[in-house]
């Protein structure tokens, strides 16, 4: 008795198509949740209030202890800028330098700016 070699391939194809359909339906449901969250209707994201933890975003350029690297030393930045100026730099970056805008956003940026302003 000779088996038809097309049947296993057809079975795999049908299972693959069904899997794609199921994953698409799950993805559509998640897309709606993401869109709602973007409009402010989703779950609220917890704000980190630990400035040392927030500053981990800065260590790539400013060094692990903020002593400088490709970016300037921030250990005494509070003697040069006040909290509002630091917040402006965090939010808008510095044109013509490697300081990008928006690395830290929202309330976390405010917490970080206040903390850095205390470093004198």
Protein backbone atom coordinates (compact mmCIF):
# COMPACT_ATOMS: atom_id res chain seq x y z
CA UNK A 1 0.00 0.00 0.00
CA UNK A 2 1.42 3.34 -1.08
CA UNK A 3 0.73 6.51 1.00
CA UNK A 4 0.05 9.86 -0.58
CA UNK A 5 3.06 12.15 0.21
CA UNK A 6 0.96 15.32 -0.16
CA UNK A 7 -1.21 14.66 2.91
CA UNK A 8 1.41 15.53 5.58
CA UNK A 9 2.27 18.77 3.78
CA UNK A 10 -1.41 19.68 3.43
CA UNK A 11 -1.99 18.95 7.13
CA UNK A 12 0.96 21.15 8.14
CA UNK A 13 -0.29 23.94 5.87
CA UNK A 14 -3.80 23.81 7.36
CA UNK A 15 -2.42 23.86 10.92
CA UNK A 16 -0.16 26.80 10.03
CA UNK A 17 -3.05 28.78 8.55
CA UNK A 18 -5.21 28.11 11.62
CA UNK A 19 -2.37 29.21 13.90
CA UNK A 20 -1.97 32.47 11.95
CA UNK A 21 -5.71 33.16 12.20
CA UNK A 22 -5.74 32.55 15.97
CA UNK A 23 -2.67 34.76 16.53
CA UNK A 24 -4.23 37.50 14.40
CA UNK A 25 -7.37 37.51 16.53
CA UNK A 26 -5.29 37.72 19.72
CA UNK A 27 -3.24 40.54 18.20
CA UNK A 28 -6.35 42.53 17.28
CA UNK A 29 -7.54 42.35 20.86
CA UNK A 30 -4.17 43.57 22.12
CA UNK A 31 -4.08 46.36 19.54
CA UNK A 32 -7.35 47.76 20.89
CA UNK A 33 -5.94 47.74 24.44
CA UNK A 34 -2.79 49.53 23.30
CA UNK A 35 -4.81 52.18 21.47
CA UNK A 36 -6.96 52.74 24.57
CA UNK A 37 -3.86 53.12 26.74
CA UNK A 38 -2.45 55.68 24.30
CA UNK A 39 -5.65 57.71 24.64
CA UNK A 40 -5.42 57.67 28.43
CA UNK A 41 -8.15 55.08 28.84
CA UNK A 42 -5.90 52.18 29.75
CA UNK A 43 -4.06 51.19 32.85
CA UNK A 44 -2.01 53.95 34.45
CA UNK A 45 1.71 53.46 34.50
CA UNK A 46 3.41 53.81 37.87
CA UNK A 47 5.84 56.71 38.14
CA UNK A 48 9.30 55.91 39.46
CA UNK A 49 10.26 58.41 42.17
CA UNK A 50 13.76 57.08 42.89
CA UNK A 51 16.11 59.53 41.15
CA UNK A 52 19.10 57.20 41.39
CA UNK A 53 17.16 54.52 39.57
CA UNK A 54 15.87 57.00 36.97
CA UNK A 55 19.43 58.23 36.41
CA UNK A 56 20.37 54.78 35.09
CA UNK A 57 19.10 56.11 31.74
CA UNK A 58 21.92 58.67 31.87
CA UNK A 59 24.81 56.35 32.70
CA UNK A 60 25.46 55.34 29.11
CA UNK A 61 26.73 58.83 28.28
CA UNK A 62 27.47 60.37 31.66
CA UNK A 63 29.11 57.35 33.34
CA UNK A 64 27.98 55.04 36.14
CA UNK A 65 28.73 57.63 38.82
CA UNK A 66 27.75 60.55 36.54
CA UNK A 67 31.39 61.68 36.48
CA UNK A 68 31.30 61.98 32.72
CA UNK A 69 31.95 59.88 29.68
CA UNK A 70 30.85 60.89 26.22
CA UNK A 71 28.58 63.34 28.06
CA UNK A 72 29.73 65.91 30.65
CA UNK A 73 30.20 65.39 34.37
CA UNK A 74 26.88 65.77 36.25
CA UNK A 75 28.20 65.38 39.80
CA UNK A 76 28.03 69.14 40.44
CA UNK A 77 25.56 70.21 37.73
CA UNK A 78 23.37 71.95 40.36
CA UNK A 79 25.99 74.66 40.76
CA UNK A 80 25.67 75.55 37.07
CA UNK A 81 21.92 75.06 36.39
CA UNK A 82 18.74 75.22 38.47
CA UNK A 83 16.03 72.54 38.41
CA UNK A 84 13.98 74.26 35.68
CA UNK A 85 17.00 74.59 33.39
CA UNK A 86 17.95 70.95 33.96
CA UNK A 87 14.37 69.87 33.27
CA UNK A 88 14.44 71.86 30.03
CA UNK A 89 17.65 70.09 28.98
CA UNK A 90 16.20 66.67 29.85
CA UNK A 91 12.98 67.34 27.93
CA UNK A 92 14.41 69.19 24.91
CA UNK A 93 18.02 68.00 24.69
CA UNK A 94 20.84 70.28 23.60
CA UNK A 95 21.00 71.04 19.89
CA UNK A 96 24.37 70.39 18.32
CA UNK A 97 25.40 67.91 21.02
CA UNK A 98 24.78 64.25 21.70
CA UNK A 99 22.17 65.11 24.37
CA UNK A 100 18.89 63.83 22.88
CA UNK A 101 15.47 65.12 23.91
CA UNK A 102 13.08 63.05 25.99
CA UNK A 103 15.35 60.34 27.38
CA UNK A 104 13.34 60.65 30.60
CA UNK A 105 9.77 61.94 30.42
CA UNK A 106 6.98 63.32 32.55
CA UNK A 107 7.14 63.24 36.31
CA UNK A 108 10.29 61.13 36.24
CA UNK A 109 12.07 63.95 34.39
CA UNK A 110 10.93 66.39 37.08
CA UNK A 111 12.17 64.10 39.87
CA UNK A 112 15.51 63.68 38.09
CA UNK A 113 15.89 67.43 37.49
CA UNK A 114 15.25 68.24 41.17
CA UNK A 115 17.78 65.59 42.24
CA UNK A 116 20.44 66.81 39.83
CA UNK A 117 19.87 70.42 40.89
CA UNK A 118 20.80 69.43 44.45
CA UNK A 119 24.22 68.21 43.26
CA UNK A 120 26.49 71.20 43.92
